[in-house]
């Protein structure tokens, strides 16, 4: 069976490649990709990654086509979410109750989720029901945001600032509210682009109390006008330089969780360690690898506690893939979340 998929690198250098997929081996499952979301990491690749073309797409909802002879828990027709990195289950960390520290993971074996078919190990699949494939593709990014929110340890009624209004930031803001935050601040660049306006609109729907346009407003001034001592918690889903604002607005003894990446050279910042010590500030990097929290994320979507329909604004296929990725980079379209439907 032949399968088309997308690979990309810096300068929106996107290639469509075709590979041959045979029958799945004993522990693998052949799946047909029904929907795959475009992640901020994909945008980083096509905007800034200078080296070899990277496989694009890992937010995957799929249909089982064929299973290997050792696979008894899945059958053709099952609806599944594909994990991009799965814990091994047998290493010291997994056996000690810390699968989040597993370093012997199963991965996607170089296959793009922005493609037609994949062959993946059976334990990298999560069955689901009650959702269409497009909304179900939000399971992986929602799990990323959920991991960050859980690490943030939000007290009941706390003030929380989420820096960055991309899909992960929007979901983190919604989850912060579900975890009991009393006031949620969300930042974005400016309402001057179609994309930013659309994302601020979703933020209001998701219950954010204060919206800050960092291109026009001073984040510290806005936050300190409401919380003179700073906010209890900050979640940074925007590029690393946003940590400067996070450190200005966090209260004494607060927690900053961060997962914003940048592959174009803006990944380093200067931090005053004395300030962290004297103000007892905790910094927690959040990296949702291996995949965890997929089942609860899927339930949150299924039960409407996180309304995926407000996030997914665009769907596309191979014919307009480059155009859609370009719009994600330049903000020219009101895209909140774009999802590829590679098989129509």
Protein backbone atom coordinates (compact mmCIF):
# COMPACT_ATOMS: atom_id res chain seq x y z
CA UNK A 1 0.00 0.00 0.00
CA UNK A 2 1.28 3.46 -0.87
CA UNK A 3 0.90 6.40 1.50
CA UNK A 4 1.51 10.09 0.86
CA UNK A 5 2.80 12.33 3.63
CA UNK A 6 4.24 15.79 4.24
CA UNK A 7 7.76 16.73 5.33
CA UNK A 8 9.07 20.25 5.89
CA UNK A 9 11.89 22.53 6.92
CA UNK A 10 12.83 26.23 7.06
CA UNK A 11 11.38 28.60 4.49
CA UNK A 12 8.13 26.67 4.06
CA UNK A 13 10.11 24.06 2.14
CA UNK A 14 7.40 21.40 2.14
CA UNK A 15 7.74 18.08 0.34
CA UNK A 16 5.08 15.51 -0.45
CA UNK A 17 6.62 12.06 -0.29
CA UNK A 18 5.18 8.63 -1.03
CA UNK A 19 6.26 5.50 0.81
CA UNK A 20 5.27 1.86 0.61
CA UNK A 21 3.58 0.28 3.62
CA UNK A 22 3.32 -3.48 3.80
CA UNK A 23 1.20 -5.60 6.10
CA UNK A 24 1.81 -4.73 9.77
CA UNK A 25 4.32 -6.86 11.61
CA UNK A 26 3.28 -8.95 14.61
CA UNK A 27 2.93 -6.09 17.13
CA UNK A 28 1.97 -3.29 14.76
CA UNK A 29 -1.30 -1.88 13.48
CA UNK A 30 -1.98 -0.30 10.11
CA UNK A 31 -4.16 2.79 10.50
CA UNK A 32 -5.81 5.19 8.09
CA UNK A 33 -5.32 8.78 9.21
CA UNK A 34 -8.69 10.47 9.34
CA UNK A 35 -7.58 13.79 10.86
CA UNK A 36 -4.30 15.34 11.97
CA UNK A 37 -3.90 18.76 13.55
CA UNK A 38 -1.16 21.24 12.73
CA UNK A 39 0.95 21.81 15.85
CA UNK A 40 3.08 24.79 16.76
CA UNK A 41 6.05 22.43 16.46
CA UNK A 42 5.15 21.84 12.80
CA UNK A 43 5.06 25.61 12.30
CA UNK A 44 8.47 25.89 13.96
CA UNK A 45 9.81 23.27 11.54
CA UNK A 46 8.54 24.92 8.35
CA UNK A 47 9.48 28.41 9.52
CA UNK A 48 12.82 27.88 11.30
CA UNK A 49 14.22 24.33 11.08
CA UNK A 50 17.39 24.55 8.94
CA UNK A 51 18.41 20.91 8.63
CA UNK A 52 16.85 17.87 6.95
CA UNK A 53 13.12 17.81 6.22
CA UNK A 54 11.14 16.73 9.28
CA UNK A 55 8.00 14.56 9.19
CA UNK A 56 5.03 16.82 9.90
CA UNK A 57 2.05 16.07 12.09
CA UNK A 58 1.53 14.13 15.31
CA UNK A 59 -1.98 15.07 16.46
CA UNK A 60 -3.65 12.05 14.92
CA UNK A 61 -7.10 10.48 14.94
CA UNK A 62 -7.26 7.37 12.79
CA UNK A 63 -9.15 4.21 11.85
CA UNK A 64 -7.67 0.75 12.29
CA UNK A 65 -7.28 -1.03 8.94
CA UNK A 66 -5.27 -4.15 9.78
CA UNK A 67 -3.66 -5.62 12.89
CA UNK A 68 -0.61 -7.83 13.43
CA UNK A 69 -1.05 -11.38 14.67
CA UNK A 70 -0.11 -10.55 18.27
CA UNK A 71 -2.62 -7.71 18.56
CA UNK A 72 -5.76 -8.81 20.40
CA UNK A 73 -6.99 -5.49 21.81
CA UNK A 74 -7.79 -3.83 18.48
CA UNK A 75 -9.66 -4.75 15.34
CA UNK A 76 -10.32 -3.19 11.92
CA UNK A 77 -12.77 -0.33 12.16
CA UNK A 78 -11.73 0.78 15.67
CA UNK A 79 -11.33 4.54 16.10
CA UNK A 80 -8.01 5.42 17.70
CA UNK A 81 -5.76 8.27 18.75
CA UNK A 82 -2.10 7.73 17.85
CA UNK A 83 0.47 8.63 20.49
CA UNK A 84 3.59 10.28 19.10
CA UNK A 85 5.79 8.84 21.88
CA UNK A 86 4.69 5.95 24.08
CA UNK A 87 6.23 4.76 27.33
CA UNK A 88 7.97 1.39 27.14
CA UNK A 89 6.40 0.06 30.36
CA UNK A 90 9.43 -2.03 31.35
CA UNK A 91 12.29 0.37 32.17
CA UNK A 92 13.27 1.35 35.72
CA UNK A 93 11.30 4.60 35.58
CA UNK A 94 8.14 2.94 34.23
CA UNK A 95 8.41 0.15 36.81
CA UNK A 96 8.93 2.71 39.59
CA UNK A 97 5.70 4.55 38.84
CA UNK A 98 7.26 7.35 36.81
CA UNK A 99 6.51 6.59 33.16
CA UNK A 100 6.82 10.31 32.44
CA UNK A 101 10.60 9.83 32.78
CA UNK A 102 10.78 6.88 30.37
CA UNK A 103 13.65 7.17 27.91
CA UNK A 104 13.03 3.94 25.98
CA UNK A 105 9.96 5.13 24.15
CA UNK A 106 8.17 3.82 21.11
CA UNK A 107 7.75 6.56 18.52
CA UNK A 108 6.19 7.14 15.11
CA UNK A 109 9.23 5.70 13.32
CA UNK A 110 9.73 8.73 11.10
CA UNK A 111 6.20 8.69 9.65
CA UNK A 112 4.28 11.95 9.21
CA UNK A 113 0.86 12.26 10.80
CA UNK A 114 0.05 14.68 7.98
CA UNK A 115 -0.25 11.67 5.72
CA UNK A 116 -2.65 8.96 4.61
CA UNK A 117 -1.61 5.80 6.46
CA UNK A 118 0.74 4.75 9.24
CA UNK A 119 2.05 1.55 10.77
CA UNK A 120 2.35 1.96 14.56
CA UNK A 121 2.88 -0.29 17.54
CA UNK A 122 -0.38 -1.37 19.15
CA UNK A 123 0.40 0.14 22.57
CA UNK A 124 0.66 3.59 20.95
CA UNK A 125 -3.08 3.61 20.23
CA UNK A 126 -5.99 4.81 22.37
CA UNK A 127 -9.49 3.71 21.40
CA UNK A 128 -12.25 6.30 21.57
CA UNK A 129 -15.95 6.69 20.89
CA UNK A 130 -18.46 9.52 20.83
CA UNK A 131 -16.36 12.02 18.87
CA UNK A 132 -15.85 12.71 15.21
CA UNK A 133 -12.30 12.30 14.00
CA UNK A 134 -11.66 16.01 13.52
CA UNK A 135 -12.46 16.95 17.13
CA UNK A 136 -10.75 13.79 18.39
CA UNK A 137 -7.47 14.96 16.82
CA UNK A 138 -7.33 17.58 19.60
CA UNK A 139 -6.66 14.82 22.14
CA UNK A 140 -2.87 15.06 21.87
CA UNK A 141 -2.54 18.86 22.15
CA UNK A 142 -5.12 18.95 24.93
CA UNK A 143 -3.03 16.37 26.81
CA UNK A 144 0.01 18.64 26.40
CA UNK A 145 -1.89 21.56 27.94
CA UNK A 146 -3.33 19.34 30.66
CA UNK A 147 0.13 18.11 31.63
CA UNK A 148 1.27 21.71 32.05
CA UNK A 149 -1.81 22.71 34.04
CA UNK A 150 -1.44 19.75 36.41
CA UNK A 151 2.23 20.61 36.98
CA UNK A 152 1.19 24.17 37.81
CA UNK A 153 -0.75 23.04 40.91
CA UNK A 154 -3.45 25.70 40.68
CA UNK A 155 -5.03 26.48 44.07
CA UNK A 156 -8.79 26.89 44.26
CA UNK A 157 -9.69 30.46 43.35
CA UNK A 158 -6.14 31.30 42.24
CA UNK A 159 -5.12 33.96 39.76
CA UNK A 160 -3.50 32.41 36.68
CA UNK A 161 -1.84 34.08 33.70
CA UNK A 162 -1.41 32.13 30.48
CA UNK A 163 1.11 33.70 28.13
CA UNK A 164 0.32 32.92 24.51
CA UNK A 165 -3.07 32.54 22.85
CA UNK A 166 -2.26 29.72 20.44
CA UNK A 167 -4.33 26.53 20.67
CA UNK A 168 -2.23 25.16 23.54
CA UNK A 169 -2.50 28.42 25.47
CA UNK A 170 -6.25 28.60 24.88
CA UNK A 171 -6.70 25.04 26.10
CA UNK A 172 -4.47 25.69 29.10
CA UNK A 173 -6.61 28.70 29.99
CA UNK A 174 -9.79 26.63 29.75
CA UNK A 175 -8.26 23.85 31.83
CA UNK A 176 -7.04 26.34 34.43
CA UNK A 177 -10.65 27.43 34.84
CA UNK A 178 -11.77 23.81 35.15
CA UNK A 179 -9.11 23.27 37.82
CA UNK A 180 -10.59 26.05 39.90
CA UNK A 181 -8.81 29.25 38.89
CA UNK A 182 -10.71 32.32 40.03
CA UNK A 183 -9.26 34.72 37.47
CA UNK A 184 -7.55 33.86 34.17
CA UNK A 185 -5.39 36.30 32.22
CA UNK A 186 -4.45 35.45 28.63
CA UNK A 187 -1.95 37.27 26.45
CA UNK A 188 -1.61 37.44 22.68
CA UNK A 189 0.20 39.69 20.23
CA UNK A 190 -2.43 42.02 18.79
CA UNK A 191 -5.95 41.94 17.38
CA UNK A 192 -4.60 43.52 14.20
CA UNK A 193 -4.24 40.19 12.36
CA UNK A 194 -7.10 37.89 11.43
CA UNK A 195 -5.51 35.02 13.34
CA UNK A 196 -4.99 36.93 16.58
CA UNK A 197 -8.52 38.34 16.52
CA UNK A 198 -9.96 34.85 16.08
CA UNK A 199 -7.90 33.55 18.99
CA UNK A 200 -8.90 36.38 21.30
CA UNK A 201 -12.53 35.63 20.43
CA UNK A 202 -12.10 32.02 21.52
CA UNK A 203 -10.39 33.19 24.72
CA UNK A 204 -13.50 35.13 25.65
CA UNK A 205 -15.67 32.07 24.93
CA UNK A 206 -13.37 29.94 27.11
CA UNK A 207 -13.95 32.20 30.09
CA UNK A 208 -10.76 34.26 30.22
CA UNK A 209 -11.28 37.32 32.40
CA UNK A 210 -8.50 39.60 31.18
CA UNK A 211 -7.03 39.70 27.66
CA UNK A 212 -3.74 41.47 27.02
CA UNK A 213 -2.35 42.54 23.63
CA UNK A 214 1.39 42.49 24.23
CA UNK A 215 2.10 44.51 21.08
CA UNK A 216 0.07 47.40 22.52
CA UNK A 217 -0.03 46.88 26.27
CA UNK A 218 2.50 46.31 29.01
CA UNK A 219 1.81 42.91 30.52
CA UNK A 220 3.19 43.82 33.94
CA UNK A 221 1.16 47.01 34.14
CA UNK A 222 -2.10 45.30 33.20
CA UNK A 223 -1.59 42.38 35.57
CA UNK A 224 -0.31 44.45 38.49
CA UNK A 225 -3.27 46.83 38.15
CA UNK A 226 -5.48 43.87 39.09
CA UNK A 227 -3.05 41.88 41.23
CA UNK A 228 -0.52 44.30 42.80
CA UNK A 229 1.51 41.47 44.31
CA UNK A 230 1.46 39.40 41.13
CA UNK A 231 -0.53 36.35 40.08
CA UNK A 232 -0.36 32.98 41.82
CA UNK A 233 0.57 30.97 38.76
CA UNK A 234 1.89 31.57 35.24
CA UNK A 235 1.79 29.15 32.29
CA UNK A 236 4.06 30.09 29.38
CA UNK A 237 2.95 28.63 26.05
CA UNK A 238 4.59 31.36 23.96
CA UNK A 239 8.29 31.61 22.94
CA UNK A 240 10.96 31.53 25.69
CA UNK A 241 11.43 35.31 25.74
CA UNK A 242 7.96 35.49 27.31
CA UNK A 243 9.59 34.21 30.49
CA UNK A 244 10.69 37.79 31.15
CA UNK A 245 7.05 38.83 31.52
CA UNK A 246 6.30 35.72 33.56
CA UNK A 247 9.02 36.61 36.07
CA UNK A 248 7.71 40.17 36.36
CA UNK A 249 4.13 39.15 37.15
CA UNK A 250 4.55 36.07 39.37
CA UNK A 251 3.97 36.62 43.08
CA UNK A 252 6.33 35.69 45.89
CA UNK A 253 6.37 31.89 46.15
CA UNK A 254 4.56 31.41 42.85
CA UNK A 255 4.99 28.70 40.23
CA UNK A 256 5.82 29.25 36.55
CA UNK A 257 5.25 26.34 34.19
CA UNK A 258 6.59 26.70 30.67
CA UNK A 259 6.50 24.75 27.42
CA UNK A 260 6.91 27.37 24.68
CA UNK A 261 9.62 26.41 22.17
CA UNK A 262 11.57 28.21 19.47
CA UNK A 263 13.82 26.62 16.85
CA UNK A 264 15.08 29.84 15.25
CA UNK A 265 17.69 30.89 17.80
CA UNK A 266 15.41 32.58 20.34
CA UNK A 267 15.51 29.68 22.77
CA UNK A 268 17.90 31.22 25.32
CA UNK A 269 17.13 33.83 27.97
CA UNK A 270 18.99 35.31 30.93
CA UNK A 271 17.61 34.52 34.38
CA UNK A 272 18.52 36.20 37.66
CA UNK A 273 19.01 33.20 39.93
CA UNK A 274 19.21 35.42 43.02
CA UNK A 275 15.73 36.73 42.21
CA UNK A 276 14.38 33.19 41.94
CA UNK A 277 15.90 32.26 45.28
CA UNK A 278 14.94 35.37 47.22
CA UNK A 279 11.38 35.36 45.90
CA UNK A 280 11.07 31.55 46.17
CA UNK A 281 9.91 31.20 42.59
CA UNK A 282 9.52 27.69 41.17
CA UNK A 283 10.19 27.08 37.47
CA UNK A 284 8.74 23.89 35.97
CA UNK A 285 9.38 22.88 32.37
CA UNK A 286 6.53 20.83 30.92
CA UNK A 287 7.30 18.31 28.19
CA UNK A 288 4.48 15.86 27.48
CA UNK A 289 6.70 13.02 26.33
CA UNK A 290 5.98 10.16 26.58
CA UNK A 291 2.29 10.59 25.94
CA UNK A 292 0.20 10.77 29.10
CA UNK A 293 -3.29 12.03 29.94
CA UNK A 294 -4.75 10.98 26.59
CA UNK A 295 -7.81 9.18 28.05
CA UNK A 296 -8.88 12.08 30.26
CA UNK A 297 -8.23 14.57 27.45
CA UNK A 298 -10.43 12.55 25.15
CA UNK A 299 -13.20 12.51 27.77
CA UNK A 300 -12.97 16.28 28.24
CA UNK A 301 -13.55 16.71 24.51
CA UNK A 302 -16.30 14.08 24.36
CA UNK A 303 -18.19 15.61 27.27
CA UNK A 304 -17.86 19.16 25.96
CA UNK A 305 -15.89 20.45 28.94
CA UNK A 306 -13.39 21.68 26.37
CA UNK A 307 -15.33 22.70 23.27
CA UNK A 308 -13.19 21.55 20.37
CA UNK A 309 -15.56 23.04 17.82
CA UNK A 310 -14.48 26.53 18.90
CA UNK A 311 -10.84 25.69 18.29
CA UNK A 312 -10.95 24.01 14.88
CA UNK A 313 -11.56 26.72 12.33
CA UNK A 314 -9.94 25.27 9.19
CA UNK A 315 -9.61 21.87 7.55
CA UNK A 316 -7.47 21.14 4.49
CA UNK A 317 -6.06 18.45 2.24
CA UNK A 318 -2.88 17.91 0.26
CA UNK A 319 -3.87 20.41 -2.43
CA UNK A 320 -3.94 23.40 -0.08
CA UNK A 321 -1.50 22.22 2.59
CA UNK A 322 1.21 24.75 1.80
CA UNK A 323 -1.28 27.60 1.67
CA UNK A 324 -2.67 26.63 5.08
CA UNK A 325 0.76 26.29 6.67
CA UNK A 326 1.75 29.65 5.18
CA UNK A 327 -1.33 31.26 6.76
CA UNK A 328 -0.40 29.71 10.10
CA UNK A 329 2.99 31.38 9.83
CA UNK A 330 1.90 34.84 8.68
CA UNK A 331 -1.45 35.10 10.49
CA UNK A 332 -3.28 36.18 7.34
CA UNK A 333 -6.30 33.94 7.95
CA UNK A 334 -8.45 33.64 11.10
CA UNK A 335 -6.97 30.26 11.95
CA UNK A 336 -7.21 29.05 15.52
CA UNK A 337 -6.55 25.40 14.75
CA UNK A 338 -6.08 23.84 11.32
CA UNK A 339 -6.66 20.11 10.84
CA UNK A 340 -5.66 18.05 7.80
CA UNK A 341 -8.11 15.49 6.42
CA UNK A 342 -5.61 13.55 4.26
CA UNK A 343 -8.05 10.99 2.95
CA UNK A 344 -10.84 13.41 2.12
